[in-house]
Amino acid sequence: MKVTSETRPILGVNCIIVHDVVGQAGVVVEDTFDWYAQDKDGNVWYFGEDTRELDARGRVTTTEGSWEAGQHGAHPGIVMTAHPKVGDFYREEYRKGVAEDRGSIIRVGANRTTPAGAYHDVVVVAERTRLEPKILEHKAYAPGIGLITENVVKGADETSHLARIASA
């Protein structure tokens, strides 16, 4: 995942572009551009994603899951509230049948360690989507860093963590 210096205007908001590449066994299987913005109160909004799943030869097999706020009934969502409290519940993304994730803050002030370092005052969010009702994922966010761990705790066996922070 790389936070770029590039922006894209969506619904009149200048969104920062985050490039997210997922690999398995040294092969890129997903290549995504996500669009985020922060409001004056400090809430971080998610305005959509352009995602491509790839086969072993690097050919696009699907763009399912792509959405952009303002297009085809899609709306931006919040990925992190400015002042998170346990019990806060919000829509993270929305395009009917494509992107329907919802988050609920289940812990604040947590400690987490990844290969990139130790983090304090971490916020943990439980995430679900109507599109995959058997899946429950916990995501941990560190102040000033963002997403540091993702763990599917029900319905699958997937884990990812922040491995390093590269300097620009």
N, C-alpha and C. Protein backbone atom coordinates (compact mmCIF):
# COMPACT_ATOMS: atom_id res chain seq x y z
N MET A 1 0.86 -1.16 0.00
CA MET A 1 0.00 0.00 0.00
C MET A 1 0.91 1.23 0.00
N LYS A 2 0.62 2.15 -0.91
CA LYS A 2 1.43 3.37 -1.01
C LYS A 2 0.50 4.58 -1.11
N VAL A 3 0.68 5.52 -0.19
CA VAL A 3 -0.04 6.78 -0.26
C VAL A 3 0.73 7.64 -1.26
N THR A 4 0.06 8.00 -2.34
CA THR A 4 0.74 8.78 -3.38
C THR A 4 0.59 10.28 -3.09
N SER A 5 1.25 11.09 -3.88
CA SER A 5 1.09 12.54 -3.78
C SER A 5 0.03 13.02 -4.78
N GLU A 6 -0.57 12.07 -5.49
CA GLU A 6 -1.56 12.41 -6.51
C GLU A 6 -2.95 12.55 -5.88
N THR A 7 -3.78 13.39 -6.51
CA THR A 7 -5.15 13.56 -6.06
C THR A 7 -6.10 13.39 -7.24
N ARG A 8 -7.38 13.20 -6.89
CA ARG A 8 -8.43 13.06 -7.90
C ARG A 8 -9.67 13.75 -7.36
N PRO A 9 -10.27 14.66 -8.13
CA PRO A 9 -11.50 15.29 -7.64
C PRO A 9 -12.71 14.35 -7.82
N ILE A 10 -13.45 14.15 -6.73
CA ILE A 10 -14.67 13.35 -6.76
C ILE A 10 -15.72 14.13 -5.98
N LEU A 11 -16.85 14.39 -6.62
CA LEU A 11 -17.94 15.16 -6.01
C LEU A 11 -17.44 16.51 -5.48
N GLY A 12 -16.46 17.10 -6.16
CA GLY A 12 -15.92 18.40 -5.77
C GLY A 12 -14.93 18.34 -4.63
N VAL A 13 -14.54 17.15 -4.20
CA VAL A 13 -13.59 16.97 -3.11
C VAL A 13 -12.28 16.44 -3.69
N ASN A 14 -11.16 17.04 -3.31
CA ASN A 14 -9.86 16.58 -3.76
C ASN A 14 -9.45 15.37 -2.91
N CYS A 15 -9.45 14.19 -3.51
CA CYS A 15 -9.15 12.94 -2.80
C CYS A 15 -7.73 12.50 -3.07
N ILE A 16 -7.05 12.07 -2.01
CA ILE A 16 -5.70 11.52 -2.16
C ILE A 16 -5.83 10.10 -2.72
N ILE A 17 -4.90 9.73 -3.57
CA ILE A 17 -4.92 8.40 -4.19
C ILE A 17 -3.96 7.48 -3.44
N VAL A 18 -4.48 6.33 -3.02
CA VAL A 18 -3.68 5.30 -2.36
C VAL A 18 -3.63 4.10 -3.30
N HIS A 19 -2.42 3.64 -3.60
CA HIS A 19 -2.23 2.50 -4.50
C HIS A 19 -1.99 1.27 -3.64
N ASP A 20 -2.84 0.27 -3.78
CA ASP A 20 -2.79 -0.95 -2.97
C ASP A 20 -2.57 -2.14 -3.89
N VAL A 21 -1.46 -2.84 -3.69
CA VAL A 21 -1.14 -4.01 -4.50
C VAL A 21 -1.07 -5.21 -3.58
N VAL A 22 -1.82 -6.26 -3.93
CA VAL A 22 -1.85 -7.49 -3.13
C VAL A 22 -1.13 -8.59 -3.90
N GLY A 23 -0.19 -9.25 -3.21
CA GLY A 23 0.55 -10.34 -3.83
C GLY A 23 0.39 -11.63 -3.05
N GLN A 24 0.51 -12.73 -3.75
CA GLN A 24 0.52 -14.06 -3.14
C GLN A 24 1.61 -14.86 -3.82
N ALA A 25 2.52 -15.38 -3.02
CA ALA A 25 3.63 -16.19 -3.54
C ALA A 25 4.40 -15.44 -4.63
N GLY A 26 4.59 -14.14 -4.43
CA GLY A 26 5.38 -13.35 -5.36
C GLY A 26 4.65 -12.91 -6.62
N VAL A 27 3.35 -13.18 -6.71
CA VAL A 27 2.56 -12.82 -7.89
C VAL A 27 1.50 -11.80 -7.49
N VAL A 28 1.39 -10.71 -8.25
CA VAL A 28 0.37 -9.70 -7.98
C VAL A 28 -0.99 -10.28 -8.37
N VAL A 29 -1.93 -10.29 -7.40
CA VAL A 29 -3.26 -10.84 -7.65
C VAL A 29 -4.34 -9.76 -7.64
N GLU A 30 -4.01 -8.58 -7.08
CA GLU A 30 -4.95 -7.47 -7.08
C GLU A 30 -4.18 -6.16 -7.12
N ASP A 31 -4.68 -5.23 -7.93
CA ASP A 31 -4.07 -3.91 -8.08
C ASP A 31 -5.19 -2.87 -8.00
N THR A 32 -5.16 -2.05 -6.93
CA THR A 32 -6.27 -1.16 -6.64
C THR A 32 -5.80 0.26 -6.37
N PHE A 33 -6.61 1.22 -6.81
CA PHE A 33 -6.41 2.62 -6.46
C PHE A 33 -7.63 3.03 -5.63
N ASP A 34 -7.37 3.49 -4.40
CA ASP A 34 -8.42 3.94 -3.48
C ASP A 34 -8.36 5.46 -3.37
N TRP A 35 -9.53 6.09 -3.07
CA TRP A 35 -9.61 7.55 -3.00
C TRP A 35 -10.15 7.97 -1.63
N TYR A 36 -9.33 8.75 -0.89
CA TYR A 36 -9.66 9.17 0.46
C TYR A 36 -9.57 10.69 0.59
N ALA A 37 -10.31 11.22 1.56
CA ALA A 37 -10.22 12.65 1.89
C ALA A 37 -10.54 12.81 3.37
N GLN A 38 -9.98 13.86 3.97
CA GLN A 38 -10.24 14.16 5.37
C GLN A 38 -10.98 15.48 5.46
N ASP A 39 -12.06 15.51 6.25
CA ASP A 39 -12.82 16.76 6.38
C ASP A 39 -12.20 17.64 7.48
N LYS A 40 -12.74 18.86 7.63
CA LYS A 40 -12.17 19.82 8.57
C LYS A 40 -12.26 19.37 10.01
N ASP A 41 -13.18 18.45 10.30
CA ASP A 41 -13.32 17.92 11.66
C ASP A 41 -12.35 16.77 11.94
N GLY A 42 -11.74 16.22 10.89
CA GLY A 42 -10.79 15.12 11.04
C GLY A 42 -11.30 13.75 10.64
N ASN A 43 -12.57 13.64 10.23
CA ASN A 43 -13.09 12.36 9.75
C ASN A 43 -12.43 12.00 8.43
N VAL A 44 -12.08 10.73 8.26
CA VAL A 44 -11.49 10.27 7.00
C VAL A 44 -12.58 9.57 6.19
N TRP A 45 -12.81 10.08 4.98
CA TRP A 45 -13.85 9.60 4.09
C TRP A 45 -13.26 8.75 2.98
N TYR A 46 -14.05 7.76 2.55
CA TYR A 46 -13.67 6.86 1.47
C TYR A 46 -14.59 7.15 0.29
N PHE A 47 -14.01 7.54 -0.84
CA PHE A 47 -14.78 7.95 -2.01
C PHE A 47 -14.82 6.89 -3.12
N GLY A 48 -14.17 5.75 -2.90
CA GLY A 48 -14.27 4.68 -3.89
C GLY A 48 -12.95 4.01 -4.19
N GLU A 49 -13.04 3.08 -5.16
CA GLU A 49 -11.86 2.33 -5.56
C GLU A 49 -11.98 1.84 -6.99
N ASP A 50 -10.84 1.79 -7.63
CA ASP A 50 -10.72 1.21 -8.97
C ASP A 50 -9.87 -0.03 -8.78
N THR A 51 -10.50 -1.20 -8.79
CA THR A 51 -9.81 -2.43 -8.46
C THR A 51 -9.77 -3.40 -9.64
N ARG A 52 -8.67 -4.10 -9.73
CA ARG A 52 -8.49 -5.11 -10.77
C ARG A 52 -7.89 -6.36 -10.15
N GLU A 53 -8.56 -7.50 -10.34
CA GLU A 53 -7.97 -8.77 -9.93
C GLU A 53 -7.26 -9.34 -11.15
N LEU A 54 -6.10 -9.97 -10.91
CA LEU A 54 -5.23 -10.43 -12.00
C LEU A 54 -4.97 -11.92 -11.91
N ASP A 55 -4.76 -12.54 -13.07
CA ASP A 55 -4.36 -13.94 -13.09
C ASP A 55 -2.84 -14.03 -12.98
N ALA A 56 -2.30 -15.24 -13.03
CA ALA A 56 -0.86 -15.45 -12.86
C ALA A 56 -0.01 -14.77 -13.94
N ARG A 57 -0.62 -14.47 -15.08
CA ARG A 57 0.11 -13.80 -16.17
C ARG A 57 -0.07 -12.28 -16.15
N GLY A 58 -0.78 -11.79 -15.13
CA GLY A 58 -0.97 -10.35 -15.00
C GLY A 58 -2.13 -9.80 -15.79
N ARG A 59 -2.99 -10.67 -16.30
CA ARG A 59 -4.16 -10.23 -17.05
C ARG A 59 -5.33 -9.98 -16.11
N VAL A 60 -6.08 -8.92 -16.37
CA VAL A 60 -7.23 -8.57 -15.55
C VAL A 60 -8.32 -9.63 -15.73
N THR A 61 -8.79 -10.19 -14.61
CA THR A 61 -9.86 -11.19 -14.66
C THR A 61 -11.20 -10.57 -14.26
N THR A 62 -11.17 -9.52 -13.42
CA THR A 62 -12.40 -8.84 -13.04
C THR A 62 -12.07 -7.47 -12.44
N THR A 63 -13.04 -6.58 -12.54
CA THR A 63 -12.96 -5.28 -11.87
C THR A 63 -14.09 -5.18 -10.85
N GLU A 64 -14.68 -6.33 -10.52
CA GLU A 64 -15.78 -6.37 -9.55
C GLU A 64 -15.33 -5.74 -8.24
N GLY A 65 -16.19 -4.94 -7.66
CA GLY A 65 -15.87 -4.25 -6.42
C GLY A 65 -15.48 -2.80 -6.64
N SER A 66 -15.24 -2.41 -7.90
CA SER A 66 -14.92 -1.01 -8.20
C SER A 66 -16.17 -0.16 -8.03
N TRP A 67 -15.98 1.05 -7.50
CA TRP A 67 -17.09 1.98 -7.33
C TRP A 67 -16.52 3.38 -7.13
N GLU A 68 -17.34 4.38 -7.42
CA GLU A 68 -16.93 5.77 -7.23
C GLU A 68 -18.14 6.57 -6.73
N ALA A 69 -17.94 7.30 -5.64
CA ALA A 69 -19.00 8.12 -5.09
C ALA A 69 -19.54 9.05 -6.17
N GLY A 70 -20.87 9.16 -6.24
CA GLY A 70 -21.51 10.00 -7.23
C GLY A 70 -21.85 9.29 -8.52
N GLN A 71 -21.38 8.06 -8.69
CA GLN A 71 -21.64 7.28 -9.90
C GLN A 71 -22.53 6.08 -9.55
N HIS A 72 -23.58 5.87 -10.33
CA HIS A 72 -24.44 4.68 -10.19
C HIS A 72 -25.01 4.52 -8.77
N GLY A 73 -25.36 5.63 -8.15
CA GLY A 73 -25.97 5.59 -6.82
C GLY A 73 -25.00 5.38 -5.66
N ALA A 74 -23.70 5.48 -5.93
CA ALA A 74 -22.70 5.27 -4.88
C ALA A 74 -22.52 6.53 -4.03
N HIS A 75 -22.23 6.31 -2.74
CA HIS A 75 -22.01 7.40 -1.80
C HIS A 75 -20.70 7.19 -1.05
N PRO A 76 -19.99 8.26 -0.69
CA PRO A 76 -18.79 8.09 0.13
C PRO A 76 -19.18 7.60 1.52
N GLY A 77 -18.22 7.00 2.19
CA GLY A 77 -18.43 6.55 3.56
C GLY A 77 -17.26 6.98 4.43
N ILE A 78 -17.40 6.78 5.72
CA ILE A 78 -16.34 7.13 6.66
C ILE A 78 -15.54 5.88 6.99
N VAL A 79 -14.21 5.97 6.92
CA VAL A 79 -13.38 4.84 7.34
C VAL A 79 -12.81 5.05 8.74
N MET A 80 -12.77 6.30 9.19
CA MET A 80 -12.33 6.56 10.56
C MET A 80 -12.92 7.88 11.02
N THR A 81 -13.61 7.84 12.16
CA THR A 81 -14.18 9.05 12.71
C THR A 81 -13.08 9.86 13.39
N ALA A 82 -13.29 11.16 13.48
CA ALA A 82 -12.29 12.05 14.07
C ALA A 82 -12.09 11.77 15.56
N HIS A 83 -13.16 11.44 16.24
CA HIS A 83 -13.11 11.20 17.69
C HIS A 83 -13.78 9.87 17.99
N PRO A 84 -13.09 8.76 17.67
CA PRO A 84 -13.71 7.44 17.79
C PRO A 84 -14.06 7.07 19.23
N LYS A 85 -15.24 6.46 19.36
CA LYS A 85 -15.71 5.95 20.65
C LYS A 85 -16.26 4.54 20.44
N VAL A 86 -16.02 3.68 21.40
CA VAL A 86 -16.56 2.32 21.32
C VAL A 86 -18.07 2.42 21.12
N GLY A 87 -18.56 1.67 20.14
CA GLY A 87 -19.99 1.67 19.82
C GLY A 87 -20.34 2.52 18.62
N ASP A 88 -19.44 3.43 18.20
CA ASP A 88 -19.70 4.20 16.98
C ASP A 88 -19.94 3.22 15.83
N PHE A 89 -20.95 3.48 15.03
CA PHE A 89 -21.32 2.59 13.92
C PHE A 89 -21.54 3.46 12.70
N TYR A 90 -20.98 3.09 11.55
CA TYR A 90 -21.07 3.93 10.37
C TYR A 90 -20.89 3.12 9.09
N ARG A 91 -21.34 3.71 8.00
CA ARG A 91 -21.17 3.11 6.68
C ARG A 91 -19.80 3.53 6.16
N GLU A 92 -19.00 2.53 5.75
CA GLU A 92 -17.66 2.82 5.24
C GLU A 92 -17.65 3.07 3.73
N GLU A 93 -18.57 2.43 3.04
CA GLU A 93 -18.65 2.58 1.59
C GLU A 93 -20.05 2.18 1.17
N TYR A 94 -20.50 2.72 0.02
CA TYR A 94 -21.81 2.28 -0.43
C TYR A 94 -22.00 2.43 -1.93
N ARG A 95 -22.21 1.30 -2.55
CA ARG A 95 -22.81 1.18 -3.87
C ARG A 95 -23.56 -0.14 -3.83
N LYS A 96 -24.87 -0.06 -3.91
CA LYS A 96 -25.73 -1.23 -3.73
C LYS A 96 -25.24 -2.41 -4.56
N GLY A 97 -25.06 -3.53 -3.88
CA GLY A 97 -24.64 -4.77 -4.54
C GLY A 97 -23.17 -4.83 -4.88
N VAL A 98 -22.42 -3.76 -4.63
CA VAL A 98 -20.99 -3.72 -4.99
C VAL A 98 -20.12 -3.44 -3.77
N ALA A 99 -20.50 -2.44 -2.99
CA ALA A 99 -19.68 -1.99 -1.86
C ALA A 99 -20.61 -1.58 -0.72
N GLU A 100 -20.72 -2.42 0.29
CA GLU A 100 -21.67 -2.16 1.37
C GLU A 100 -21.06 -2.41 2.75
N ASP A 101 -19.80 -2.05 2.93
CA ASP A 101 -19.13 -2.29 4.20
C ASP A 101 -19.61 -1.31 5.27
N ARG A 102 -19.73 -1.84 6.49
CA ARG A 102 -20.11 -1.04 7.66
C ARG A 102 -19.10 -1.35 8.76
N GLY A 103 -18.75 -0.30 9.52
CA GLY A 103 -17.78 -0.46 10.60
C GLY A 103 -18.38 -0.10 11.94
N SER A 104 -17.86 -0.74 12.97
CA SER A 104 -18.25 -0.45 14.34
C SER A 104 -16.99 -0.45 15.19
N ILE A 105 -16.79 0.62 15.94
CA ILE A 105 -15.59 0.70 16.77
C ILE A 105 -15.78 -0.19 17.99
N ILE A 106 -14.84 -1.14 18.17
CA ILE A 106 -14.96 -2.09 19.27
C ILE A 106 -13.89 -1.87 20.34
N ARG A 107 -12.87 -1.08 20.02
CA ARG A 107 -11.83 -0.82 21.01
C ARG A 107 -11.09 0.47 20.67
N VAL A 108 -10.77 1.24 21.67
CA VAL A 108 -9.90 2.41 21.52
C VAL A 108 -8.80 2.28 22.56
N GLY A 109 -7.64 2.87 22.28
CA GLY A 109 -6.53 2.83 23.21
C GLY A 109 -5.80 1.50 23.25
N ALA A 110 -5.94 0.69 22.23
CA ALA A 110 -5.28 -0.62 22.19
C ALA A 110 -3.81 -0.47 21.82
N ASN A 111 -3.05 -1.53 22.08
CA ASN A 111 -1.65 -1.61 21.67
C ASN A 111 -1.52 -2.72 20.64
N ARG A 112 -0.75 -2.47 19.60
CA ARG A 112 -0.51 -3.48 18.58
C ARG A 112 0.95 -3.40 18.14
N THR A 113 1.52 -4.55 17.81
CA THR A 113 2.88 -4.61 17.29
C THR A 113 2.84 -5.30 15.94
N THR A 114 3.53 -4.71 14.97
CA THR A 114 3.68 -5.30 13.64
C THR A 114 5.18 -5.29 13.33
N PRO A 115 5.60 -5.91 12.23
CA PRO A 115 7.02 -5.82 11.88
C PRO A 115 7.51 -4.38 11.70
N ALA A 116 6.59 -3.45 11.47
CA ALA A 116 6.97 -2.05 11.28
C ALA A 116 7.15 -1.30 12.60
N GLY A 117 6.69 -1.90 13.72
CA GLY A 117 6.87 -1.24 15.00
C GLY A 117 5.73 -1.49 15.96
N ALA A 118 5.85 -0.85 17.14
CA ALA A 118 4.83 -0.95 18.18
C ALA A 118 3.98 0.31 18.14
N TYR A 119 2.67 0.14 18.28
CA TYR A 119 1.73 1.26 18.18
C TYR A 119 0.82 1.29 19.40
N HIS A 120 0.50 2.51 19.83
CA HIS A 120 -0.34 2.73 21.00
C HIS A 120 -1.53 3.59 20.60
N ASP A 121 -2.55 3.62 21.43
CA ASP A 121 -3.77 4.37 21.15
C ASP A 121 -4.42 3.94 19.85
N VAL A 122 -4.32 2.65 19.56
CA VAL A 122 -4.86 2.06 18.34
C VAL A 122 -6.38 1.93 18.47
N VAL A 123 -7.08 2.17 17.36
CA VAL A 123 -8.52 2.01 17.28
C VAL A 123 -8.80 0.73 16.49
N VAL A 124 -9.66 -0.14 17.05
CA VAL A 124 -10.01 -1.40 16.38
C VAL A 124 -11.46 -1.32 15.92
N VAL A 125 -11.67 -1.63 14.64
CA VAL A 125 -12.98 -1.56 14.01
C VAL A 125 -13.39 -2.96 13.57
N ALA A 126 -14.62 -3.36 13.91
CA ALA A 126 -15.19 -4.59 13.38
C ALA A 126 -15.92 -4.22 12.09
N GLU A 127 -15.63 -4.94 11.03
CA GLU A 127 -16.21 -4.62 9.72
C GLU A 127 -16.99 -5.81 9.19
N ARG A 128 -18.17 -5.49 8.66
CA ARG A 128 -19.03 -6.50 8.03
C ARG A 128 -19.61 -5.90 6.75
N THR A 129 -20.07 -6.79 5.88
CA THR A 129 -20.80 -6.37 4.69
C THR A 129 -21.95 -7.33 4.45
N ARG A 130 -23.08 -6.78 4.05
CA ARG A 130 -24.24 -7.59 3.70
C ARG A 130 -23.91 -8.53 2.54
N LEU A 131 -22.92 -8.18 1.74
CA LEU A 131 -22.56 -8.96 0.56
C LEU A 131 -21.82 -10.25 0.92
N GLU A 132 -21.19 -10.29 2.09
CA GLU A 132 -20.52 -11.50 2.59
C GLU A 132 -20.86 -11.63 4.08
N PRO A 133 -22.10 -12.01 4.39
CA PRO A 133 -22.58 -11.98 5.78
C PRO A 133 -21.85 -12.91 6.75
N LYS A 134 -21.14 -13.90 6.25
CA LYS A 134 -20.45 -14.83 7.15
C LYS A 134 -19.06 -14.33 7.54
N ILE A 135 -18.61 -13.25 6.93
CA ILE A 135 -17.27 -12.72 7.18
C ILE A 135 -17.32 -11.61 8.23
N LEU A 136 -16.43 -11.68 9.21
CA LEU A 136 -16.23 -10.61 10.18
C LEU A 136 -14.74 -10.31 10.22
N GLU A 137 -14.41 -9.06 10.01
CA GLU A 137 -13.01 -8.64 9.96
C GLU A 137 -12.76 -7.58 11.02
N HIS A 138 -11.59 -7.65 11.65
CA HIS A 138 -11.16 -6.61 12.58
C HIS A 138 -9.99 -5.87 11.94
N LYS A 139 -10.10 -4.53 11.91
CA LYS A 139 -9.03 -3.69 11.36
C LYS A 139 -8.54 -2.77 12.46
N ALA A 140 -7.22 -2.63 12.56
CA ALA A 140 -6.62 -1.77 13.58
C ALA A 140 -5.95 -0.58 12.90
N TYR A 141 -6.23 0.60 13.44
CA TYR A 141 -5.71 1.86 12.90
C TYR A 141 -4.87 2.57 13.95
N ALA A 142 -3.66 2.96 13.58
CA ALA A 142 -2.76 3.68 14.50
C ALA A 142 -2.77 5.17 14.17
N PRO A 143 -2.76 6.02 15.21
CA PRO A 143 -2.75 7.47 14.97
C PRO A 143 -1.54 7.90 14.12
N GLY A 144 -1.80 8.72 13.14
CA GLY A 144 -0.74 9.24 12.29
C GLY A 144 -0.22 8.26 11.25
N ILE A 145 -0.68 7.01 11.30
CA ILE A 145 -0.23 5.97 10.37
C ILE A 145 -1.39 5.51 9.51
N GLY A 146 -2.47 5.08 10.14
CA GLY A 146 -3.61 4.51 9.44
C GLY A 146 -3.69 3.02 9.71
N LEU A 147 -4.16 2.28 8.73
CA LEU A 147 -4.38 0.84 8.86
C LEU A 147 -3.05 0.11 9.11
N ILE A 148 -3.02 -0.68 10.21
CA ILE A 148 -1.79 -1.43 10.51
C ILE A 148 -2.01 -2.93 10.53
N THR A 149 -3.24 -3.39 10.81
CA THR A 149 -3.53 -4.82 10.74
C THR A 149 -4.94 -5.05 10.24
N GLU A 150 -5.13 -6.18 9.57
CA GLU A 150 -6.44 -6.65 9.13
C GLU A 150 -6.49 -8.14 9.47
N ASN A 151 -7.52 -8.55 10.20
CA ASN A 151 -7.67 -9.96 10.57
C ASN A 151 -9.10 -10.39 10.34
N VAL A 152 -9.28 -11.40 9.50
CA VAL A 152 -10.61 -11.99 9.36
C VAL A 152 -10.77 -12.92 10.55
N VAL A 153 -11.73 -12.62 11.42
CA VAL A 153 -11.90 -13.39 12.65
C VAL A 153 -13.03 -14.40 12.56
N LYS A 154 -13.84 -14.30 11.49
CA LYS A 154 -14.92 -15.26 11.30
C LYS A 154 -15.19 -15.41 9.80
N GLY A 155 -15.27 -16.65 9.33
CA GLY A 155 -15.68 -16.91 7.96
C GLY A 155 -14.55 -17.13 6.97
N ALA A 156 -13.32 -16.87 7.37
CA ALA A 156 -12.16 -17.09 6.50
C ALA A 156 -10.90 -17.03 7.35
N ASP A 157 -9.77 -17.28 6.73
CA ASP A 157 -8.49 -17.24 7.45
C ASP A 157 -7.54 -16.32 6.70
N GLU A 158 -7.65 -15.03 6.96
CA GLU A 158 -6.79 -14.04 6.30
C GLU A 158 -6.28 -13.06 7.32
N THR A 159 -5.01 -12.73 7.20
CA THR A 159 -4.38 -11.75 8.09
C THR A 159 -3.38 -10.94 7.27
N SER A 160 -3.34 -9.65 7.54
CA SER A 160 -2.27 -8.84 6.96
C SER A 160 -1.87 -7.80 7.99
N HIS A 161 -0.64 -7.31 7.84
CA HIS A 161 -0.11 -6.35 8.80
C HIS A 161 0.87 -5.41 8.10
N LEU A 162 1.08 -4.28 8.73
CA LEU A 162 2.04 -3.31 8.22
C LEU A 162 3.44 -3.88 8.41
N ALA A 163 4.15 -4.04 7.31
CA ALA A 163 5.49 -4.63 7.36
C ALA A 163 6.58 -3.57 7.48
N ARG A 164 6.37 -2.44 6.80
CA ARG A 164 7.38 -1.36 6.87
C ARG A 164 6.75 -0.06 6.40
N ILE A 165 7.38 1.02 6.81
CA ILE A 165 6.98 2.34 6.34
C ILE A 165 8.16 2.87 5.56
N ALA A 166 7.96 3.08 4.29
CA ALA A 166 9.04 3.57 3.43
C ALA A 166 9.05 5.09 3.45
N SER A 167 10.23 5.66 3.44
CA SER A 167 10.31 7.12 3.36
C SER A 167 10.12 7.55 1.91
N ALA A 168 9.60 8.75 1.74
CA ALA A 168 9.30 9.25 0.40
C ALA A 168 10.55 9.56 -0.38
